[in-house]
C-alpha cells in the first residue's frame, strides 16, 4: 500500500473491515520516504485507531468531519462553498479522472480528499506532489484546526504536507485557527439549522478558506486497503 493510499484510507470513514488490515496499515506507515519522527507519529495514529472500538472510532470521525464546514474533507467546500463555480470544478475534476481511467461510483463526490488521495496514489510521484501543493493551503488549515482541537487526525494532514514538500508555518496557522469561531458545537449547529430554514443558498467562502456556515454532506466510501 502506498503512503498516499494509506493516508486516504485512514482519513476515510472507518468501516469495520479496516480492523482486518492492521498489519498492512502498520507496514505502510513505516515508509522510508518519511522522516523517522513522522513515521513514528503515523504508526502511533494507526495503533491508536486499531486499539479503538469501531463504533467509538466512527463516532469520533463523524464528530470531526461531519459537523460544520471547517473540517470538511470535501476540498471544494473550502474553495467554492455552494457557489455555481463548485459545480463546474466538479465536472472538470471528473473529466480529469476519466481521462486517466479512474471511475467513480455513482454517489462518490470527486473532491472528497480520501478519493483524491486514492487517485494520486496511482499517478507518478511528481504529479501527485504537484496536486498536493495546489491544495496544501487547505490541508494546512485542516492540520492547524485539528491540532488546535487536540484531534489525532492532525498527524494525517501534517503527513500530507510533508509529502508535498512545501514550507508551512503551522504555528501561525494554529494561531489563526484558535481565533476562528467553532462551527461544530451544539450551539453552532442549532444556529445553522435555524438559518437553513429561511435561507435558499450560502455565500462562497473567502479566498483564505475561512469557514462559512453550510454543513457538508456526509460522504462514506468502502474501505479497501
Protein backbone atom coordinates (compact mmCIF):
# COMPACT_ATOMS: atom_id res chain seq x y z
CA UNK A 1 0.00 0.00 0.00
CA UNK A 2 1.40 3.40 -0.97
CA UNK A 3 1.73 6.21 1.54
CA UNK A 4 -0.94 8.33 -0.15
CA UNK A 5 -3.30 5.37 -0.25
CA UNK A 6 -2.65 4.80 3.46
CA UNK A 7 -3.45 8.39 4.44
CA UNK A 8 -6.59 8.27 2.29
CA UNK A 9 -7.76 5.05 3.96
CA UNK A 10 -7.10 6.47 7.42
CA UNK A 11 -8.93 9.71 6.63
CA UNK A 12 -11.93 7.87 5.27
CA UNK A 13 -14.89 6.83 7.42
CA UNK A 14 -13.58 3.89 9.48
CA UNK A 15 -15.71 0.94 8.39
CA UNK A 16 -15.49 -2.27 10.37
CA UNK A 17 -13.28 -4.07 7.82
CA UNK A 18 -10.49 -1.59 8.47
CA UNK A 19 -9.56 -3.54 11.60
CA UNK A 20 -8.94 -6.64 9.47
CA UNK A 21 -5.98 -4.96 7.75
CA UNK A 22 -4.00 -3.71 10.73
CA UNK A 23 -0.70 -5.31 9.72
CA UNK A 24 -0.93 -3.79 6.23
CA UNK A 25 -1.64 -0.36 7.65
CA UNK A 26 1.31 -0.51 10.05
CA UNK A 27 3.63 -1.76 7.31
CA UNK A 28 2.61 1.12 5.03
CA UNK A 29 3.13 3.64 7.83
CA UNK A 30 6.77 2.60 8.09
CA UNK A 31 7.60 4.25 4.77
CA UNK A 32 11.28 5.25 4.44
CA UNK A 33 10.26 8.28 2.37
CA UNK A 34 9.17 9.93 5.62
CA UNK A 35 11.48 11.16 8.40
CA UNK A 36 11.73 8.84 11.37
CA UNK A 37 9.68 11.11 13.65
CA UNK A 38 6.86 11.32 11.11
CA UNK A 39 6.83 7.55 10.58
CA UNK A 40 6.61 7.08 14.35
CA UNK A 41 3.73 9.55 14.64
CA UNK A 42 1.87 7.94 11.74
CA UNK A 43 2.33 4.46 13.18
CA UNK A 44 1.10 5.79 16.52
CA UNK A 45 -2.08 7.02 14.88
CA UNK A 46 -2.63 3.61 13.26
CA UNK A 47 -2.09 1.76 16.54
CA UNK A 48 -4.42 4.14 18.34
CA UNK A 49 -7.12 3.63 15.72
CA UNK A 50 -6.77 -0.15 15.79
CA UNK A 51 -7.00 -0.11 19.60
CA UNK A 52 -10.26 1.85 19.45
CA UNK A 53 -13.65 0.18 19.32
CA UNK A 54 -15.05 0.61 15.78
CA UNK A 55 -18.22 2.31 16.99
CA UNK A 56 -16.20 4.77 19.02
CA UNK A 57 -13.86 5.44 16.08
CA UNK A 58 -16.80 6.01 13.77
CA UNK A 59 -18.40 8.43 16.21
CA UNK A 60 -15.11 10.33 16.51
CA UNK A 61 -14.87 10.55 12.71
CA UNK A 62 -18.38 11.94 12.45
CA UNK A 63 -17.72 14.42 15.26
CA UNK A 64 -14.55 15.57 13.48
CA UNK A 65 -15.56 15.76 9.84
CA UNK A 66 -19.36 15.86 9.70
CA UNK A 67 -20.12 18.80 11.96
CA UNK A 68 -19.64 22.21 10.44
CA UNK A 69 -17.60 23.08 7.35
CA UNK A 70 -14.24 23.98 8.83
CA UNK A 71 -13.04 20.34 8.92
CA UNK A 72 -14.83 19.17 5.79
CA UNK A 73 -12.96 16.61 3.67
CA UNK A 74 -14.68 17.98 0.57
CA UNK A 75 -11.99 20.21 -0.89
CA UNK A 76 -14.28 22.42 -2.95
CA UNK A 77 -16.30 23.25 0.16
CA UNK A 78 -13.28 25.29 1.27
CA UNK A 79 -12.81 26.94 -2.12
CA UNK A 80 -16.24 27.45 -3.65
CA UNK A 81 -18.74 26.77 -0.89
CA UNK A 82 -22.15 26.31 -2.53
CA UNK A 83 -21.47 28.69 -5.43
CA UNK A 84 -22.01 27.74 -9.06
CA UNK A 85 -18.25 27.57 -9.55
CA UNK A 86 -18.19 24.42 -7.46
CA UNK A 87 -20.35 22.56 -9.95
CA UNK A 88 -18.03 23.34 -12.85
CA UNK A 89 -15.00 22.44 -10.73
CA UNK A 90 -16.63 19.05 -10.03
CA UNK A 91 -17.20 18.48 -13.75
CA UNK A 92 -13.60 19.37 -14.57
CA UNK A 93 -12.23 17.08 -11.87
CA UNK A 94 -14.44 14.20 -13.02
CA UNK A 95 -13.17 14.66 -16.57
CA UNK A 96 -9.58 14.55 -15.32
CA UNK A 97 -10.29 11.27 -13.54
CA UNK A 98 -11.97 9.74 -16.59
CA UNK A 99 -9.12 10.66 -18.90
CA UNK A 100 -6.87 8.54 -16.67
CA UNK A 101 -9.34 5.65 -16.48
CA UNK A 102 -10.28 6.38 -12.86
CA UNK A 103 -14.01 5.78 -12.50
CA UNK A 104 -16.13 6.77 -9.52
CA UNK A 105 -19.14 5.06 -8.03
CA UNK A 106 -22.45 6.81 -8.62
CA UNK A 107 -22.63 8.56 -5.23
CA UNK A 108 -18.96 9.50 -4.84
CA UNK A 109 -18.01 13.17 -4.85
CA UNK A 110 -14.77 13.81 -6.78
CA UNK A 111 -13.39 16.40 -4.35
CA UNK A 112 -13.58 14.08 -1.31
CA UNK A 113 -10.00 14.10 -0.03
CA UNK A 114 -9.62 10.32 0.57
CA UNK A 115 -10.81 9.76 -3.01
CA UNK A 116 -8.37 12.36 -4.34
CA UNK A 117 -5.56 10.60 -2.48
CA UNK A 118 -6.58 7.23 -3.90
CA UNK A 119 -6.35 8.73 -7.39
CA UNK A 120 -2.99 10.36 -6.68
CA UNK A 121 -1.61 7.09 -5.31
CA UNK A 122 -1.93 5.77 -8.88
CA UNK A 123 -0.20 8.72 -10.51
CA UNK A 124 3.55 9.47 -10.89
CA UNK A 125 5.08 10.89 -7.67
CA UNK A 126 5.91 14.26 -9.24
CA UNK A 127 2.33 14.70 -10.42
CA UNK A 128 0.97 13.67 -7.01
CA UNK A 129 3.20 16.21 -5.25
CA UNK A 130 2.07 18.93 -7.64
CA UNK A 131 -1.58 18.18 -6.86
CA UNK A 132 -0.87 18.23 -3.14
CA UNK A 133 0.94 21.54 -3.50
CA UNK A 134 -2.15 23.04 -5.14
CA UNK A 135 -4.37 22.06 -2.19
CA UNK A 136 -1.77 22.48 0.53
CA UNK A 137 -3.33 25.74 1.75
CA UNK A 138 -6.48 23.76 2.57
CA UNK A 139 -4.58 20.81 4.04
CA UNK A 140 -2.51 23.21 6.15
CA UNK A 141 -5.61 24.77 7.66
CA UNK A 142 -7.11 21.34 8.33
CA UNK A 143 -3.88 20.36 10.07
CA UNK A 144 -3.92 23.54 12.14
CA UNK A 145 -7.58 23.23 13.07
CA UNK A 146 -7.19 19.58 14.05
CA UNK A 147 -4.06 20.39 16.04
CA UNK A 148 -5.72 23.28 17.82
CA UNK A 149 -8.52 20.90 18.84
CA UNK A 150 -6.02 18.24 20.00
CA UNK A 151 -7.51 15.91 17.42
CA UNK A 152 -5.31 12.92 16.49
CA UNK A 153 -6.24 13.31 12.80
CA UNK A 154 -3.84 16.26 12.71
CA UNK A 155 -0.94 13.86 12.06
CA UNK A 156 -2.53 12.72 8.78
CA UNK A 157 -2.80 16.25 7.41
CA UNK A 158 0.73 17.03 8.58
CA UNK A 159 1.93 13.92 6.76
CA UNK A 160 0.35 15.18 3.54
CA UNK A 161 2.14 18.49 3.97
CA UNK A 162 5.39 16.60 4.41
CA UNK A 163 4.78 14.62 1.22
CA UNK A 164 4.00 17.84 -0.67
CA UNK A 165 7.35 19.18 0.42
CA UNK A 166 6.21 22.75 0.99
CA UNK A 167 7.19 25.07 3.82
CA UNK A 168 4.35 25.91 6.17
CA UNK A 169 4.22 27.86 9.39
CA UNK A 170 1.88 25.56 11.28
CA UNK A 171 2.31 27.65 14.43
CA UNK A 172 0.90 30.69 12.61
CA UNK A 173 -1.93 28.63 11.13
CA UNK A 174 -2.78 27.24 14.56
CA UNK A 175 -2.89 30.77 15.96
CA UNK A 176 -5.32 31.67 13.22
CA UNK A 177 -7.35 28.52 13.90
CA UNK A 178 -7.53 29.40 17.60
CA UNK A 179 -9.18 32.71 16.70
CA UNK A 180 -11.83 31.18 14.45
CA UNK A 181 -15.33 30.65 15.83
CA UNK A 182 -16.05 26.94 16.22
CA UNK A 183 -18.76 25.65 13.89
CA UNK A 184 -19.03 22.16 15.37
CA UNK A 185 -20.55 22.94 18.76
CA UNK A 186 -24.21 22.13 19.54
CA UNK A 187 -24.95 25.86 19.70
CA UNK A 188 -23.36 26.46 16.29
CA UNK A 189 -25.23 23.54 14.76
CA UNK A 190 -28.52 24.81 16.18
CA UNK A 191 -27.88 28.24 14.65
CA UNK A 192 -27.04 26.61 11.33
CA UNK A 193 -30.28 24.68 11.11
CA UNK A 194 -32.25 27.77 12.12
CA UNK A 195 -30.60 29.67 9.26
CA UNK A 196 -31.23 26.85 6.79
CA UNK A 197 -34.97 27.14 7.38
CA UNK A 198 -35.04 30.61 5.85
CA UNK A 199 -32.02 30.58 3.52
CA UNK A 200 -32.00 29.30 -0.04
CA UNK A 201 -28.25 29.47 -0.61
CA UNK A 202 -24.94 30.21 1.03
CA UNK A 203 -22.15 32.58 0.24
CA UNK A 204 -18.93 31.15 -1.09
CA UNK A 205 -16.07 31.24 1.41
CA UNK A 206 -13.41 33.89 1.17
CA UNK A 207 -10.15 33.28 -0.64
CA UNK A 208 -8.40 32.48 2.63
CA UNK A 209 -10.68 29.45 3.19
CA UNK A 210 -12.38 30.84 6.26
CA UNK A 211 -15.28 28.52 7.10
CA UNK A 212 -18.75 29.59 6.06
CA UNK A 213 -21.97 28.33 7.58
CA UNK A 214 -23.04 25.45 5.37
CA UNK A 215 -22.87 21.90 6.63
CA UNK A 216 -21.32 19.49 4.09
CA UNK A 217 -22.99 16.30 3.01
CA UNK A 218 -21.68 13.11 4.56
CA UNK A 219 -19.52 11.04 2.21
CA UNK A 220 -18.59 7.47 3.03
CA UNK A 221 -16.62 5.10 0.83
CA UNK A 222 -15.85 1.42 1.00
CA UNK A 223 -12.50 0.87 2.70
CA UNK A 224 -10.31 -1.34 0.60
CA UNK A 225 -6.69 -1.23 1.84
